[in-house]
Amino acid sequence: MTSHPGGGGEDDRAEAETEPLVCARCGRRADSFRPTWTFSVENGVPRHYCEKCSRDHLRAIEGRLDTQWW
């Protein structure tokens, strides 16, 4: 598959996978792949949350509340 000006190609995904994860709530940076982190899309924006923030706000996440309500 080739990349096109609109994005969405394999090159875009490979570049995103090499960037370190940063928690959208507290700013913590992941040293490596973290399967315990939570991934969410809010208003079309992809966000990652560290394990601590995910645990602290589990009910809000499962209730699909926007982060402004946490």
C-alpha atoms as a PDB file:
ATOM      1  CA  MET A   1       0.000   0.000   0.000  1.00  0.00           C
ATOM      2  CA  THR A   2       1.317   3.465  -0.785  1.00  0.00           C
ATOM      3  CA  SER A   3       0.758   6.634   1.153  1.00  0.00           C
ATOM      4  CA  HIS A   4      -1.201   9.455  -0.434  1.00  0.00           C
ATOM      5  CA  PRO A   5      -1.543  13.164   0.436  1.00  0.00           C
ATOM      6  CA  GLY A   6      -4.668  12.452   2.498  1.00  0.00           C
ATOM      7  CA  GLY A   7      -2.719  10.201   4.867  1.00  0.00           C
ATOM      8  CA  GLY A   8      -3.763   6.816   6.170  1.00  0.00           C
ATOM      9  CA  GLY A   9      -0.985   4.833   4.463  1.00  0.00           C
ATOM     10  CA  GLU A  10       1.423   2.332   5.961  1.00  0.00           C
ATOM     11  CA  ASP A  11       4.069   5.051   6.313  1.00  0.00           C
ATOM     12  CA  ASP A  12       1.755   7.063   8.574  1.00  0.00           C
ATOM     13  CA  ARG A  13       1.078   4.067  10.830  1.00  0.00           C
ATOM     14  CA  ALA A  14       4.762   3.129  11.065  1.00  0.00           C
ATOM     15  CA  GLU A  15       5.672   6.690  12.062  1.00  0.00           C
ATOM     16  CA  ALA A  16       2.944   6.793  14.740  1.00  0.00           C
ATOM     17  CA  GLU A  17       4.126   3.482  16.196  1.00  0.00           C
ATOM     18  CA  THR A  18       7.671   4.773  16.712  1.00  0.00           C
ATOM     19  CA  GLU A  19       6.600   7.858  18.688  1.00  0.00           C
ATOM     20  CA  PRO A  20       6.563   7.300  22.476  1.00  0.00           C
ATOM     21  CA  LEU A  21       3.153   7.215  24.120  1.00  0.00           C
ATOM     22  CA  VAL A  22       2.265  10.254  26.233  1.00  0.00           C
ATOM     23  CA  CYS A  23      -0.651  10.185  28.682  1.00  0.00           C
ATOM     24  CA  ALA A  24      -3.265  12.734  27.624  1.00  0.00           C
ATOM     25  CA  ARG A  25      -4.237  13.217  31.282  1.00  0.00           C
ATOM     26  CA  CYS A  26      -0.991  13.500  33.297  1.00  0.00           C
ATOM     27  CA  GLY A  27       1.689  13.744  30.587  1.00  0.00           C
ATOM     28  CA  ARG A  28       3.588  10.606  31.635  1.00  0.00           C
ATOM     29  CA  ARG A  29       5.746   9.182  28.834  1.00  0.00           C
ATOM     30  CA  ALA A  30       5.938   5.437  28.194  1.00  0.00           C
ATOM     31  CA  ASP A  31       9.431   3.961  27.954  1.00  0.00           C
ATOM     32  CA  SER A  32       8.196   1.188  25.666  1.00  0.00           C
ATOM     33  CA  PHE A  33       4.989  -0.497  24.504  1.00  0.00           C
ATOM     34  CA  ARG A  34       2.477  -0.533  27.376  1.00  0.00           C
ATOM     35  CA  PRO A  35      -0.410  -2.991  26.966  1.00  0.00           C
ATOM     36  CA  THR A  36      -1.955  -1.661  30.198  1.00  0.00           C
ATOM     37  CA  TRP A  37      -2.501   1.821  28.770  1.00  0.00           C
ATOM     38  CA  THR A  38      -5.959   2.831  27.518  1.00  0.00           C
ATOM     39  CA  PHE A  39      -6.636   4.156  24.016  1.00  0.00           C
ATOM     40  CA  SER A  40      -9.570   6.454  23.325  1.00  0.00           C
ATOM     41  CA  VAL A  41     -10.810   8.672  20.495  1.00  0.00           C
ATOM     42  CA  GLU A  42     -12.483  11.877  21.636  1.00  0.00           C
ATOM     43  CA  ASN A  43     -13.929  14.251  19.050  1.00  0.00           C
ATOM     44  CA  GLY A  44     -11.830  12.503  16.411  1.00  0.00           C
ATOM     45  CA  VAL A  45      -8.579  12.927  18.399  1.00  0.00           C
ATOM     46  CA  PRO A  46      -6.724   9.734  19.440  1.00  0.00           C
ATOM     47  CA  ARG A  47      -5.612   9.782  23.080  1.00  0.00           C
ATOM     48  CA  HIS A  48      -3.656   7.414  25.311  1.00  0.00           C
ATOM     49  CA  TYR A  49      -3.960   7.183  29.101  1.00  0.00           C
ATOM     50  CA  CYS A  50      -1.358   5.650  31.414  1.00  0.00           C
ATOM     51  CA  GLU A  51      -2.202   2.771  33.725  1.00  0.00           C
ATOM     52  CA  LYS A  52      -2.642   5.027  36.781  1.00  0.00           C
ATOM     53  CA  CYS A  53      -4.988   7.479  35.042  1.00  0.00           C
ATOM     54  CA  SER A  54      -6.874   4.569  33.464  1.00  0.00           C
ATOM     55  CA  ARG A  55      -7.394   2.924  36.872  1.00  0.00           C
ATOM     56  CA  ASP A  56      -8.278   6.195  38.618  1.00  0.00           C
ATOM     57  CA  HIS A  57     -10.941   7.036  36.022  1.00  0.00           C
ATOM     58  CA  LEU A  58     -12.131   3.579  34.983  1.00  0.00           C
ATOM     59  CA  ARG A  59     -15.814   4.227  35.697  1.00  0.00           C
ATOM     60  CA  ALA A  60     -15.772   7.467  33.680  1.00  0.00           C
ATOM     61  CA  ILE A  61     -13.957   5.749  30.806  1.00  0.00           C
ATOM     62  CA  GLU A  62     -16.412   2.844  30.744  1.00  0.00           C
ATOM     63  CA  GLY A  63     -19.301   5.312  30.971  1.00  0.00           C
ATOM     64  CA  ARG A  64     -17.772   7.061  27.932  1.00  0.00           C
ATOM     65  CA  LEU A  65     -17.701  10.419  29.674  1.00  0.00           C
ATOM     66  CA  ASP A  66     -15.525  13.090  28.044  1.00  0.00           C
ATOM     67  CA  THR A  67     -12.343  13.794  29.980  1.00  0.00           C
ATOM     68  CA  GLN A  68     -13.634  17.263  30.897  1.00  0.00           C
ATOM     69  CA  TRP A  69     -16.033  15.456  33.303  1.00  0.00           C
ATOM     70  CA  TRP A  70     -13.310  13.428  35.049  1.00  0.00           C
END
